[in-house]
């Protein structure tokens, strides 16, 4: 597994951005954050919103509104808004509209969504578990928080959204990490080297 840069290094048209703005109800007065994943552990972020100070629009891309997560999302009180969108393979324009990408899953291999957000210089917060530990170095190119701690998620969300310079720093570092360490080409090279090393023994 690895980052397929051809999926994300594509031009996003003004029409596509306008469509996605309409789809999620985007507005300039509210920070937009997102989780691009099929139903996993989004509930922890929904619970964290009760503690988040910054008004946000949370986009759950890959979650049908009729699921249990979708029904919980509808009950999140103002000042936050949660939008659930059923799975669609073309989420590239969404990344241009979010200011922070989240991945709360407690069990993860090597998340394409996490790598794509990082490669596009988006600051990320991920659960400090399984494959995420291989990708994100806490405080260097993103934030890692306890998977089951809503307060920690809320603190991390506010810390990034309230400090644009810190968000930009994390995003720049994330881009380098994703593109240099986790490209698909790099993964193939490392895998081949591993096999060669084993055969030589």
N, C-alpha and C. Protein backbone atom coordinates (compact mmCIF):
# COMPACT_ATOMS: atom_id res chain seq x y z
N UNK A 1 0.85 -1.19 0.00
CA UNK A 1 0.00 0.00 0.00
C UNK A 1 0.89 1.24 0.00
N UNK A 2 0.36 2.34 -0.50
CA UNK A 2 1.11 3.58 -0.53
C UNK A 2 0.31 4.67 -1.22
N UNK A 3 0.83 5.87 -1.15
CA UNK A 3 0.17 7.02 -1.73
C UNK A 3 0.25 6.98 -3.25
N UNK A 4 -0.90 7.07 -3.90
CA UNK A 4 -0.96 7.15 -5.36
C UNK A 4 -1.15 8.62 -5.71
N UNK A 5 -0.05 9.29 -6.02
CA UNK A 5 -0.12 10.74 -6.23
C UNK A 5 -0.97 11.13 -7.43
N UNK A 6 -1.09 10.21 -8.40
CA UNK A 6 -1.89 10.53 -9.58
C UNK A 6 -3.36 10.77 -9.23
N UNK A 7 -3.80 10.22 -8.10
CA UNK A 7 -5.20 10.42 -7.68
C UNK A 7 -5.47 11.83 -7.16
N UNK A 8 -4.44 12.45 -6.63
CA UNK A 8 -4.66 13.74 -5.98
C UNK A 8 -4.02 14.91 -6.71
N UNK A 9 -2.99 14.64 -7.49
CA UNK A 9 -2.34 15.72 -8.22
C UNK A 9 -3.07 15.99 -9.53
N UNK A 10 -4.30 16.35 -9.39
CA UNK A 10 -5.15 16.65 -10.54
C UNK A 10 -5.79 18.02 -10.32
N UNK A 11 -6.06 18.73 -11.40
CA UNK A 11 -6.72 20.04 -11.25
C UNK A 11 -8.15 19.87 -10.77
N UNK A 12 -8.57 20.77 -9.89
CA UNK A 12 -9.95 20.78 -9.39
C UNK A 12 -10.63 22.00 -10.01
N UNK A 13 -11.68 21.75 -10.76
CA UNK A 13 -12.34 22.84 -11.48
C UNK A 13 -13.18 23.69 -10.52
N UNK A 14 -13.44 24.92 -10.94
CA UNK A 14 -14.30 25.80 -10.16
C UNK A 14 -15.69 25.20 -10.03
N UNK A 15 -16.15 24.52 -11.07
CA UNK A 15 -17.48 23.90 -11.04
C UNK A 15 -17.54 22.79 -10.00
N UNK A 16 -16.47 21.98 -9.92
CA UNK A 16 -16.43 20.90 -8.95
C UNK A 16 -16.41 21.44 -7.52
N UNK A 17 -15.64 22.51 -7.31
CA UNK A 17 -15.61 23.13 -5.98
C UNK A 17 -16.97 23.69 -5.61
N UNK A 18 -17.61 24.34 -6.57
CA UNK A 18 -18.94 24.90 -6.30
C UNK A 18 -19.94 23.81 -5.95
N UNK A 19 -19.86 22.67 -6.66
CA UNK A 19 -20.75 21.55 -6.38
C UNK A 19 -20.54 21.03 -4.97
N UNK A 20 -19.28 20.89 -4.56
CA UNK A 20 -19.00 20.38 -3.22
C UNK A 20 -19.36 21.40 -2.14
N UNK A 21 -19.17 22.67 -2.42
CA UNK A 21 -19.61 23.69 -1.46
C UNK A 21 -21.11 23.56 -1.21
N UNK A 22 -21.85 23.39 -2.29
CA UNK A 22 -23.30 23.23 -2.17
C UNK A 22 -23.65 21.93 -1.44
N UNK A 23 -22.93 20.89 -1.75
CA UNK A 23 -23.21 19.56 -1.18
C UNK A 23 -23.04 19.55 0.34
N UNK A 24 -22.03 20.27 0.84
CA UNK A 24 -21.77 20.24 2.29
C UNK A 24 -22.28 21.48 3.00
N UNK A 25 -22.85 22.43 2.25
CA UNK A 25 -23.33 23.66 2.88
C UNK A 25 -22.20 24.55 3.35
N UNK A 26 -21.09 24.55 2.63
CA UNK A 26 -19.89 25.29 3.03
C UNK A 26 -20.18 26.77 3.22
N UNK A 27 -19.55 27.36 4.22
CA UNK A 27 -19.70 28.80 4.49
C UNK A 27 -18.39 29.33 5.06
N UNK A 28 -18.12 30.59 4.79
CA UNK A 28 -16.85 31.18 5.22
C UNK A 28 -16.80 31.42 6.72
N UNK A 29 -17.93 31.51 7.37
CA UNK A 29 -17.97 31.85 8.79
C UNK A 29 -17.74 30.66 9.71
N UNK A 30 -17.57 29.48 9.16
CA UNK A 30 -17.43 28.29 9.99
C UNK A 30 -16.28 27.43 9.46
N UNK A 31 -15.41 26.97 10.35
CA UNK A 31 -14.31 26.10 9.95
C UNK A 31 -14.88 24.77 9.47
N UNK A 32 -14.29 24.24 8.40
CA UNK A 32 -14.73 22.96 7.86
C UNK A 32 -13.66 21.91 8.14
N UNK A 33 -14.06 20.83 8.80
CA UNK A 33 -13.16 19.73 9.08
C UNK A 33 -13.81 18.45 8.53
N UNK A 34 -13.02 17.41 8.32
CA UNK A 34 -13.61 16.25 7.67
C UNK A 34 -12.98 14.93 8.04
N UNK A 35 -13.79 13.89 7.93
CA UNK A 35 -13.33 12.51 8.04
C UNK A 35 -13.73 11.82 6.75
N UNK A 36 -12.75 11.31 6.00
CA UNK A 36 -13.03 10.59 4.77
C UNK A 36 -12.80 9.11 5.07
N UNK A 37 -13.87 8.40 5.38
CA UNK A 37 -13.76 6.98 5.74
C UNK A 37 -15.14 6.36 5.80
N UNK A 38 -15.20 5.09 5.49
CA UNK A 38 -16.44 4.36 5.70
C UNK A 38 -16.70 4.31 7.20
N UNK A 39 -17.93 3.96 7.61
CA UNK A 39 -18.24 3.96 9.05
C UNK A 39 -17.24 3.14 9.86
N UNK A 40 -16.58 3.81 10.78
CA UNK A 40 -15.60 3.15 11.66
C UNK A 40 -15.82 3.67 13.07
N UNK A 41 -15.01 4.65 13.47
CA UNK A 41 -15.07 5.17 14.83
C UNK A 41 -15.37 6.66 14.85
N UNK A 42 -16.21 7.12 13.92
CA UNK A 42 -16.56 8.54 13.85
C UNK A 42 -17.27 9.03 15.11
N UNK A 43 -17.87 8.10 15.86
CA UNK A 43 -18.61 8.49 17.06
C UNK A 43 -17.75 9.24 18.06
N UNK A 44 -16.47 8.90 18.15
CA UNK A 44 -15.61 9.56 19.12
C UNK A 44 -15.48 11.04 18.82
N UNK A 45 -15.47 11.39 17.53
CA UNK A 45 -15.37 12.81 17.16
C UNK A 45 -16.71 13.51 17.41
N UNK A 46 -17.82 12.81 17.15
CA UNK A 46 -19.13 13.40 17.45
C UNK A 46 -19.25 13.71 18.94
N UNK A 47 -18.72 12.83 19.77
CA UNK A 47 -18.75 13.09 21.21
C UNK A 47 -17.80 14.23 21.58
N UNK A 48 -16.69 14.32 20.86
CA UNK A 48 -15.72 15.38 21.14
C UNK A 48 -16.28 16.76 20.83
N UNK A 49 -17.19 16.85 19.86
CA UNK A 49 -17.74 18.15 19.48
C UNK A 49 -18.43 18.85 20.63
N UNK A 50 -18.90 18.10 21.61
CA UNK A 50 -19.53 18.71 22.77
C UNK A 50 -18.55 19.62 23.52
N UNK A 51 -17.25 19.38 23.33
CA UNK A 51 -16.22 20.13 24.04
C UNK A 51 -15.46 21.11 23.15
N UNK A 52 -15.65 21.04 21.85
CA UNK A 52 -14.90 21.89 20.92
C UNK A 52 -15.43 23.31 20.98
N UNK A 53 -14.52 24.27 21.19
CA UNK A 53 -14.91 25.68 21.30
C UNK A 53 -15.16 26.32 19.94
N UNK A 54 -14.35 25.96 18.95
CA UNK A 54 -14.43 26.57 17.63
C UNK A 54 -15.63 26.03 16.86
N UNK A 55 -16.54 26.89 16.39
CA UNK A 55 -17.67 26.39 15.59
C UNK A 55 -17.17 25.72 14.31
N UNK A 56 -17.60 24.48 14.08
CA UNK A 56 -17.11 23.75 12.93
C UNK A 56 -18.26 23.13 12.14
N UNK A 57 -17.97 22.85 10.89
CA UNK A 57 -18.81 22.00 10.04
C UNK A 57 -18.00 20.73 9.83
N UNK A 58 -18.47 19.64 10.40
CA UNK A 58 -17.79 18.36 10.28
C UNK A 58 -18.42 17.58 9.13
N UNK A 59 -17.62 17.23 8.14
CA UNK A 59 -18.10 16.46 7.00
C UNK A 59 -17.67 15.01 7.18
N UNK A 60 -18.66 14.12 7.24
CA UNK A 60 -18.39 12.69 7.34
C UNK A 60 -18.60 12.09 5.94
N UNK A 61 -17.53 12.05 5.16
CA UNK A 61 -17.62 11.55 3.79
C UNK A 61 -17.45 10.03 3.82
N UNK A 62 -18.50 9.34 3.39
CA UNK A 62 -18.49 7.89 3.43
C UNK A 62 -19.47 7.32 4.44
N UNK A 63 -20.28 8.21 5.04
CA UNK A 63 -21.26 7.80 6.05
C UNK A 63 -22.66 8.14 5.56
N UNK A 64 -23.50 7.13 5.42
CA UNK A 64 -24.89 7.35 5.02
C UNK A 64 -25.67 7.98 6.18
N UNK A 65 -26.47 9.00 5.91
CA UNK A 65 -27.24 9.65 6.99
C UNK A 65 -28.18 8.71 7.73
N UNK A 66 -28.55 7.58 7.10
CA UNK A 66 -29.50 6.66 7.72
C UNK A 66 -28.84 5.64 8.65
N UNK A 67 -27.52 5.66 8.76
CA UNK A 67 -26.85 4.74 9.67
C UNK A 67 -26.92 5.28 11.09
N UNK A 68 -26.47 4.46 12.05
CA UNK A 68 -26.47 4.91 13.45
C UNK A 68 -25.60 6.14 13.62
N UNK A 69 -24.44 6.14 12.96
CA UNK A 69 -23.56 7.32 13.04
C UNK A 69 -24.27 8.54 12.46
N UNK A 70 -24.97 8.35 11.34
CA UNK A 70 -25.70 9.44 10.71
C UNK A 70 -26.78 10.00 11.62
N UNK A 71 -27.47 9.13 12.32
CA UNK A 71 -28.53 9.60 13.22
C UNK A 71 -27.95 10.35 14.41
N UNK A 72 -26.81 9.89 14.93
CA UNK A 72 -26.13 10.62 16.00
C UNK A 72 -25.68 11.99 15.50
N UNK A 73 -25.20 12.04 14.29
CA UNK A 73 -24.71 13.29 13.72
C UNK A 73 -25.81 14.35 13.67
N UNK A 74 -27.03 13.92 13.41
CA UNK A 74 -28.14 14.86 13.32
C UNK A 74 -28.47 15.49 14.67
N UNK A 75 -28.01 14.87 15.76
CA UNK A 75 -28.33 15.38 17.09
C UNK A 75 -27.25 16.28 17.67
N UNK A 76 -26.16 16.48 16.93
CA UNK A 76 -25.10 17.37 17.42
C UNK A 76 -25.64 18.80 17.48
N UNK A 77 -25.58 19.45 18.63
CA UNK A 77 -26.16 20.79 18.76
C UNK A 77 -25.27 21.88 18.19
N UNK A 78 -25.88 23.02 17.91
CA UNK A 78 -25.12 24.20 17.53
C UNK A 78 -24.16 24.56 18.67
N UNK A 79 -23.02 25.18 18.36
CA UNK A 79 -22.70 25.88 17.11
C UNK A 79 -22.13 24.99 16.02
N UNK A 80 -22.11 23.68 16.21
CA UNK A 80 -21.53 22.80 15.21
C UNK A 80 -22.59 22.25 14.28
N UNK A 81 -22.15 21.89 13.08
CA UNK A 81 -23.01 21.27 12.08
C UNK A 81 -22.28 20.04 11.54
N UNK A 82 -22.99 18.94 11.40
CA UNK A 82 -22.40 17.73 10.86
C UNK A 82 -23.13 17.34 9.58
N UNK A 83 -22.38 17.06 8.54
CA UNK A 83 -22.94 16.67 7.25
C UNK A 83 -22.46 15.26 6.93
N UNK A 84 -23.39 14.36 6.65
CA UNK A 84 -23.06 12.99 6.27
C UNK A 84 -23.27 12.80 4.78
N UNK A 85 -22.29 12.23 4.11
CA UNK A 85 -22.37 11.98 2.68
C UNK A 85 -22.09 10.51 2.41
N UNK A 86 -22.97 9.81 1.72
CA UNK A 86 -22.69 8.42 1.36
C UNK A 86 -21.40 8.32 0.56
N UNK A 87 -20.82 7.13 0.52
CA UNK A 87 -19.55 6.92 -0.16
C UNK A 87 -19.60 7.37 -1.61
N UNK A 88 -18.57 8.08 -2.01
CA UNK A 88 -18.35 8.43 -3.41
C UNK A 88 -16.85 8.36 -3.65
N UNK A 89 -16.41 7.82 -4.79
CA UNK A 89 -14.97 7.68 -5.02
C UNK A 89 -14.25 8.99 -5.31
N UNK A 90 -14.98 10.02 -5.71
CA UNK A 90 -14.35 11.27 -6.09
C UNK A 90 -14.50 12.31 -4.98
N UNK A 91 -13.58 12.30 -4.04
CA UNK A 91 -13.62 13.27 -2.94
C UNK A 91 -12.50 14.31 -3.06
N UNK A 92 -11.78 14.29 -4.18
CA UNK A 92 -10.65 15.21 -4.31
C UNK A 92 -11.04 16.67 -4.06
N UNK A 93 -12.17 17.18 -4.59
CA UNK A 93 -12.50 18.59 -4.32
C UNK A 93 -12.74 18.87 -2.83
N UNK A 94 -13.21 17.87 -2.10
CA UNK A 94 -13.49 18.09 -0.68
C UNK A 94 -12.24 18.50 0.07
N UNK A 95 -11.11 17.91 -0.29
CA UNK A 95 -9.87 18.24 0.43
C UNK A 95 -9.53 19.73 0.31
N UNK A 96 -9.93 20.36 -0.78
CA UNK A 96 -9.66 21.79 -0.94
C UNK A 96 -10.55 22.64 -0.04
N UNK A 97 -11.60 22.06 0.52
CA UNK A 97 -12.54 22.82 1.33
C UNK A 97 -12.37 22.59 2.83
N UNK A 98 -11.63 21.55 3.22
CA UNK A 98 -11.47 21.29 4.65
C UNK A 98 -10.16 21.89 5.15
N UNK A 99 -10.19 22.33 6.39
CA UNK A 99 -9.01 22.92 7.02
C UNK A 99 -8.29 21.95 7.94
N UNK A 100 -8.92 20.82 8.20
CA UNK A 100 -8.35 19.84 9.10
C UNK A 100 -8.96 18.48 8.78
N UNK A 101 -8.10 17.47 8.65
CA UNK A 101 -8.57 16.11 8.37
C UNK A 101 -8.38 15.24 9.60
N UNK A 102 -9.37 14.41 9.88
CA UNK A 102 -9.36 13.56 11.06
C UNK A 102 -9.44 12.09 10.65
N UNK A 103 -8.81 11.23 11.44
CA UNK A 103 -8.95 9.79 11.23
C UNK A 103 -9.00 9.13 12.61
N UNK A 104 -10.23 8.92 13.13
CA UNK A 104 -10.35 8.41 14.50
C UNK A 104 -10.36 6.89 14.62
N UNK A 105 -10.15 6.15 13.53
CA UNK A 105 -10.28 4.69 13.61
C UNK A 105 -9.27 4.07 14.56
N UNK A 106 -9.76 3.10 15.34
CA UNK A 106 -8.91 2.40 16.30
C UNK A 106 -8.13 1.27 15.66
N UNK A 107 -8.56 0.82 14.49
CA UNK A 107 -7.86 -0.24 13.77
C UNK A 107 -7.67 0.21 12.33
N UNK A 108 -6.43 0.37 11.92
CA UNK A 108 -6.14 0.93 10.60
C UNK A 108 -4.84 0.34 10.09
N UNK A 109 -4.81 0.01 8.81
CA UNK A 109 -3.57 -0.45 8.21
C UNK A 109 -2.74 0.75 7.80
N UNK A 110 -2.84 1.12 6.54
CA UNK A 110 -2.18 2.32 6.03
C UNK A 110 -3.26 3.08 5.26
N UNK A 111 -3.84 4.06 5.91
CA UNK A 111 -5.01 4.74 5.39
C UNK A 111 -4.69 5.62 4.19
N UNK A 112 -5.35 5.35 3.06
CA UNK A 112 -5.21 6.21 1.89
C UNK A 112 -5.73 7.61 2.17
N UNK A 113 -6.84 7.71 2.88
CA UNK A 113 -7.42 9.02 3.18
C UNK A 113 -6.45 9.87 3.99
N UNK A 114 -5.80 9.25 4.97
CA UNK A 114 -4.82 9.97 5.78
C UNK A 114 -3.64 10.42 4.92
N UNK A 115 -3.12 9.54 4.11
CA UNK A 115 -1.99 9.89 3.25
C UNK A 115 -2.35 10.97 2.25
N UNK A 116 -3.55 10.88 1.68
CA UNK A 116 -3.95 11.88 0.69
C UNK A 116 -4.10 13.26 1.33
N UNK A 117 -4.71 13.31 2.51
CA UNK A 117 -4.84 14.60 3.19
C UNK A 117 -3.47 15.18 3.50
N UNK A 118 -2.57 14.36 4.00
CA UNK A 118 -1.22 14.82 4.31
C UNK A 118 -0.50 15.29 3.06
N UNK A 119 -0.61 14.53 1.97
CA UNK A 119 0.07 14.89 0.73
C UNK A 119 -0.43 16.21 0.17
N UNK A 120 -1.65 16.58 0.52
CA UNK A 120 -2.22 17.86 0.08
C UNK A 120 -1.99 18.96 1.12
N UNK A 121 -1.08 18.71 2.05
CA UNK A 121 -0.66 19.69 3.06
C UNK A 121 -1.77 20.07 4.02
N UNK A 122 -2.66 19.13 4.30
CA UNK A 122 -3.69 19.37 5.30
C UNK A 122 -3.18 18.91 6.66
N UNK A 123 -3.37 19.72 7.71
CA UNK A 123 -3.03 19.23 9.04
C UNK A 123 -3.97 18.07 9.39
N UNK A 124 -3.44 17.07 10.09
CA UNK A 124 -4.23 15.88 10.39
C UNK A 124 -4.17 15.56 11.88
N UNK A 125 -5.27 14.96 12.35
CA UNK A 125 -5.31 14.36 13.68
C UNK A 125 -5.75 12.93 13.49
N UNK A 126 -4.99 12.00 14.04
CA UNK A 126 -5.32 10.58 13.91
C UNK A 126 -5.27 9.92 15.28
N UNK A 127 -5.99 8.82 15.40
CA UNK A 127 -5.91 8.05 16.63
C UNK A 127 -4.53 7.44 16.76
N UNK A 128 -4.01 7.45 17.98
CA UNK A 128 -2.67 6.91 18.21
C UNK A 128 -2.69 5.41 18.32
N UNK A 129 -3.01 4.73 17.22
CA UNK A 129 -3.12 3.28 17.25
C UNK A 129 -2.77 2.69 15.89
N UNK A 130 -2.38 1.45 15.89
CA UNK A 130 -2.08 0.62 14.73
C UNK A 130 -1.31 1.38 13.65
N UNK A 131 -1.78 1.31 12.40
CA UNK A 131 -1.02 1.86 11.29
C UNK A 131 -0.78 3.36 11.35
N UNK A 132 -1.63 4.08 12.05
CA UNK A 132 -1.44 5.53 12.14
C UNK A 132 -0.12 5.90 12.80
N UNK A 133 0.34 5.04 13.71
CA UNK A 133 1.60 5.29 14.40
C UNK A 133 2.79 5.25 13.46
N UNK A 134 2.63 4.53 12.34
CA UNK A 134 3.71 4.45 11.36
C UNK A 134 3.77 5.68 10.47
N UNK A 135 2.64 6.36 10.34
CA UNK A 135 2.54 7.47 9.40
C UNK A 135 2.77 8.82 10.06
N UNK A 136 2.15 9.05 11.21
CA UNK A 136 2.16 10.36 11.85
C UNK A 136 3.10 10.37 13.05
N UNK A 137 3.93 11.39 13.12
CA UNK A 137 4.75 11.64 14.30
C UNK A 137 4.12 12.81 15.04
N UNK A 138 3.65 12.55 16.25
CA UNK A 138 2.88 13.55 16.98
C UNK A 138 3.67 14.85 17.17
N UNK A 139 3.04 15.96 16.77
CA UNK A 139 3.65 17.27 16.92
C UNK A 139 4.62 17.64 15.82
N UNK A 140 4.94 16.69 14.94
CA UNK A 140 5.89 16.95 13.86
C UNK A 140 5.16 17.14 12.54
N UNK A 141 4.36 16.14 12.14
CA UNK A 141 3.62 16.23 10.88
C UNK A 141 2.14 15.93 11.07
N UNK A 142 1.68 16.09 12.29
CA UNK A 142 0.28 15.86 12.62
C UNK A 142 0.14 15.66 14.11
N UNK A 143 -1.06 15.30 14.53
CA UNK A 143 -1.29 15.02 15.94
C UNK A 143 -1.83 13.61 16.08
N UNK A 144 -1.37 12.92 17.12
CA UNK A 144 -1.89 11.62 17.51
C UNK A 144 -2.56 11.76 18.86
N UNK A 145 -3.77 11.24 18.98
CA UNK A 145 -4.48 11.33 20.25
C UNK A 145 -5.05 9.95 20.59
N UNK A 146 -5.36 9.77 21.86
CA UNK A 146 -5.93 8.50 22.30
C UNK A 146 -7.24 8.25 21.56
N UNK A 147 -7.39 7.04 21.06
CA UNK A 147 -8.54 6.72 20.21
C UNK A 147 -9.87 6.88 20.93
N UNK A 148 -9.91 6.67 22.23
CA UNK A 148 -11.18 6.65 22.96
C UNK A 148 -11.33 7.79 23.94
N UNK A 149 -10.68 8.93 23.66
CA UNK A 149 -10.69 10.06 24.58
C UNK A 149 -11.28 11.30 23.90
N UNK A 150 -12.60 11.54 24.06
CA UNK A 150 -13.22 12.70 23.40
C UNK A 150 -12.58 14.02 23.80
N UNK A 151 -12.18 14.15 25.06
CA UNK A 151 -11.57 15.40 25.52
C UNK A 151 -10.26 15.67 24.79
N UNK A 152 -9.47 14.62 24.58
CA UNK A 152 -8.20 14.78 23.87
C UNK A 152 -8.44 15.18 22.42
N UNK A 153 -9.47 14.59 21.80
CA UNK A 153 -9.81 14.97 20.43
C UNK A 153 -10.23 16.44 20.38
N UNK A 154 -11.07 16.85 21.32
CA UNK A 154 -11.54 18.25 21.34
C UNK A 154 -10.37 19.21 21.51
N UNK A 155 -9.46 18.90 22.43
CA UNK A 155 -8.31 19.77 22.66
C UNK A 155 -7.43 19.87 21.41
N UNK A 156 -7.22 18.74 20.75
CA UNK A 156 -6.38 18.75 19.54
C UNK A 156 -7.03 19.54 18.41
N UNK A 157 -8.34 19.38 18.25
CA UNK A 157 -9.06 20.12 17.20
C UNK A 157 -8.96 21.61 17.44
N UNK A 158 -9.24 22.04 18.67
CA UNK A 158 -9.17 23.48 18.98
C UNK A 158 -7.75 24.01 18.83
N UNK A 159 -6.77 23.23 19.28
CA UNK A 159 -5.38 23.69 19.23
C UNK A 159 -4.95 23.99 17.80
N UNK A 160 -5.39 23.17 16.85
CA UNK A 160 -5.00 23.39 15.45
C UNK A 160 -5.83 24.51 14.82
N UNK A 161 -7.13 24.49 15.04
CA UNK A 161 -7.99 25.49 14.41
C UNK A 161 -7.75 26.89 14.96
N UNK A 162 -7.31 27.00 16.19
CA UNK A 162 -7.09 28.31 16.80
C UNK A 162 -5.71 28.89 16.49
N UNK A 163 -4.83 28.07 15.88
CA UNK A 163 -3.48 28.54 15.56
C UNK A 163 -3.16 28.24 14.10
N UNK A 164 -3.55 29.14 13.21
CA UNK A 164 -3.31 28.91 11.77
C UNK A 164 -1.85 28.66 11.42
N UNK A 165 -0.93 29.33 12.10
CA UNK A 165 0.49 29.13 11.79
C UNK A 165 0.92 27.71 12.13
N UNK A 166 0.43 27.18 13.24
CA UNK A 166 0.74 25.81 13.62
C UNK A 166 0.12 24.82 12.65
N UNK A 167 -1.12 25.10 12.24
CA UNK A 167 -1.78 24.25 11.26
C UNK A 167 -0.98 24.21 9.96
N UNK A 168 -0.51 25.36 9.53
CA UNK A 168 0.27 25.42 8.28
C UNK A 168 1.58 24.66 8.42
N UNK A 169 2.23 24.79 9.58
CA UNK A 169 3.49 24.07 9.81
C UNK A 169 3.29 22.56 9.74
N UNK A 170 2.26 22.08 10.42
CA UNK A 170 1.97 20.65 10.40
C UNK A 170 1.63 20.18 8.99
N UNK A 171 0.87 21.00 8.26
CA UNK A 171 0.50 20.64 6.90
C UNK A 171 1.70 20.53 5.98
N UNK A 172 2.63 21.46 6.10
CA UNK A 172 3.83 21.41 5.26
C UNK A 172 4.65 20.15 5.55
N UNK A 173 4.81 19.85 6.82
CA UNK A 173 5.57 18.66 7.20
C UNK A 173 4.85 17.38 6.77
N UNK A 174 3.53 17.39 6.87
CA UNK A 174 2.74 16.23 6.47
C UNK A 174 2.91 15.95 4.99
N UNK A 175 2.95 16.99 4.19
CA UNK A 175 3.12 16.83 2.75
C UNK A 175 4.43 16.10 2.44
N UNK A 176 5.50 16.50 3.11
CA UNK A 176 6.80 15.88 2.89
C UNK A 176 6.76 14.41 3.31
N UNK A 177 6.20 14.15 4.49
CA UNK A 177 6.13 12.77 4.99
C UNK A 177 5.39 11.87 4.01
N UNK A 178 4.21 12.30 3.59
CA UNK A 178 3.39 11.45 2.73
C UNK A 178 4.06 11.20 1.39
N UNK A 179 4.61 12.24 0.81
CA UNK A 179 5.14 12.12 -0.55
C UNK A 179 6.52 11.46 -0.59
N UNK A 180 7.33 11.66 0.43
CA UNK A 180 8.69 11.11 0.39
C UNK A 180 8.79 9.73 1.03
N UNK A 181 8.00 9.48 2.07
CA UNK A 181 8.14 8.21 2.79
C UNK A 181 7.10 7.18 2.38
N UNK A 182 5.94 7.63 1.89
CA UNK A 182 4.84 6.68 1.70
C UNK A 182 4.26 6.67 0.30
N UNK A 183 5.01 7.14 -0.69
CA UNK A 183 4.53 7.02 -2.06
C UNK A 183 4.50 5.55 -2.44
N UNK A 184 3.63 5.20 -3.38
CA UNK A 184 3.53 3.80 -3.81
C UNK A 184 4.85 3.32 -4.40
N UNK A 185 5.53 4.19 -5.13
CA UNK A 185 6.83 3.83 -5.71
C UNK A 185 7.81 3.48 -4.60
N UNK A 186 7.83 4.30 -3.55
CA UNK A 186 8.73 4.05 -2.42
C UNK A 186 8.36 2.74 -1.72
N UNK A 187 7.07 2.47 -1.59
CA UNK A 187 6.63 1.22 -0.97
C UNK A 187 7.12 0.01 -1.76
N UNK A 188 7.00 0.09 -3.10
CA UNK A 188 7.45 -1.01 -3.95
C UNK A 188 8.95 -1.21 -3.81
N UNK A 189 9.70 -0.12 -3.78
CA UNK A 189 11.15 -0.21 -3.64
C UNK A 189 11.53 -0.87 -2.32
N UNK A 190 10.88 -0.47 -1.23
CA UNK A 190 11.21 -1.02 0.08
C UNK A 190 10.80 -2.49 0.18
N UNK A 191 9.66 -2.83 -0.42
CA UNK A 191 9.22 -4.22 -0.39
C UNK A 191 10.18 -5.11 -1.19
N UNK A 192 10.59 -4.63 -2.35
CA UNK A 192 11.55 -5.39 -3.17
C UNK A 192 12.87 -5.57 -2.43
N UNK A 193 13.31 -4.52 -1.76
CA UNK A 193 14.57 -4.61 -1.00
C UNK A 193 14.46 -5.64 0.12
N UNK A 194 13.30 -5.67 0.77
CA UNK A 194 13.08 -6.65 1.83
C UNK A 194 13.19 -8.07 1.28
N UNK A 195 12.50 -8.34 0.17
CA UNK A 195 12.53 -9.67 -0.44
C UNK A 195 13.95 -10.05 -0.86
N UNK A 196 14.67 -9.10 -1.46
CA UNK A 196 16.05 -9.39 -1.89
C UNK A 196 16.92 -9.73 -0.69
N UNK A 197 16.72 -8.98 0.40
CA UNK A 197 17.51 -9.23 1.60
C UNK A 197 17.24 -10.62 2.18
N UNK A 198 15.98 -11.05 2.16
CA UNK A 198 15.62 -12.36 2.67
C UNK A 198 16.23 -13.46 1.78
N UNK A 199 16.14 -13.26 0.46
CA UNK A 199 16.68 -14.28 -0.46
C UNK A 199 18.20 -14.41 -0.34
N UNK A 200 18.87 -13.31 -0.05
CA UNK A 200 20.33 -13.35 0.07
C UNK A 200 20.79 -14.09 1.31
N UNK A 201 19.89 -14.23 2.27
CA UNK A 201 20.26 -14.96 3.48
C UNK A 201 20.25 -16.47 3.26
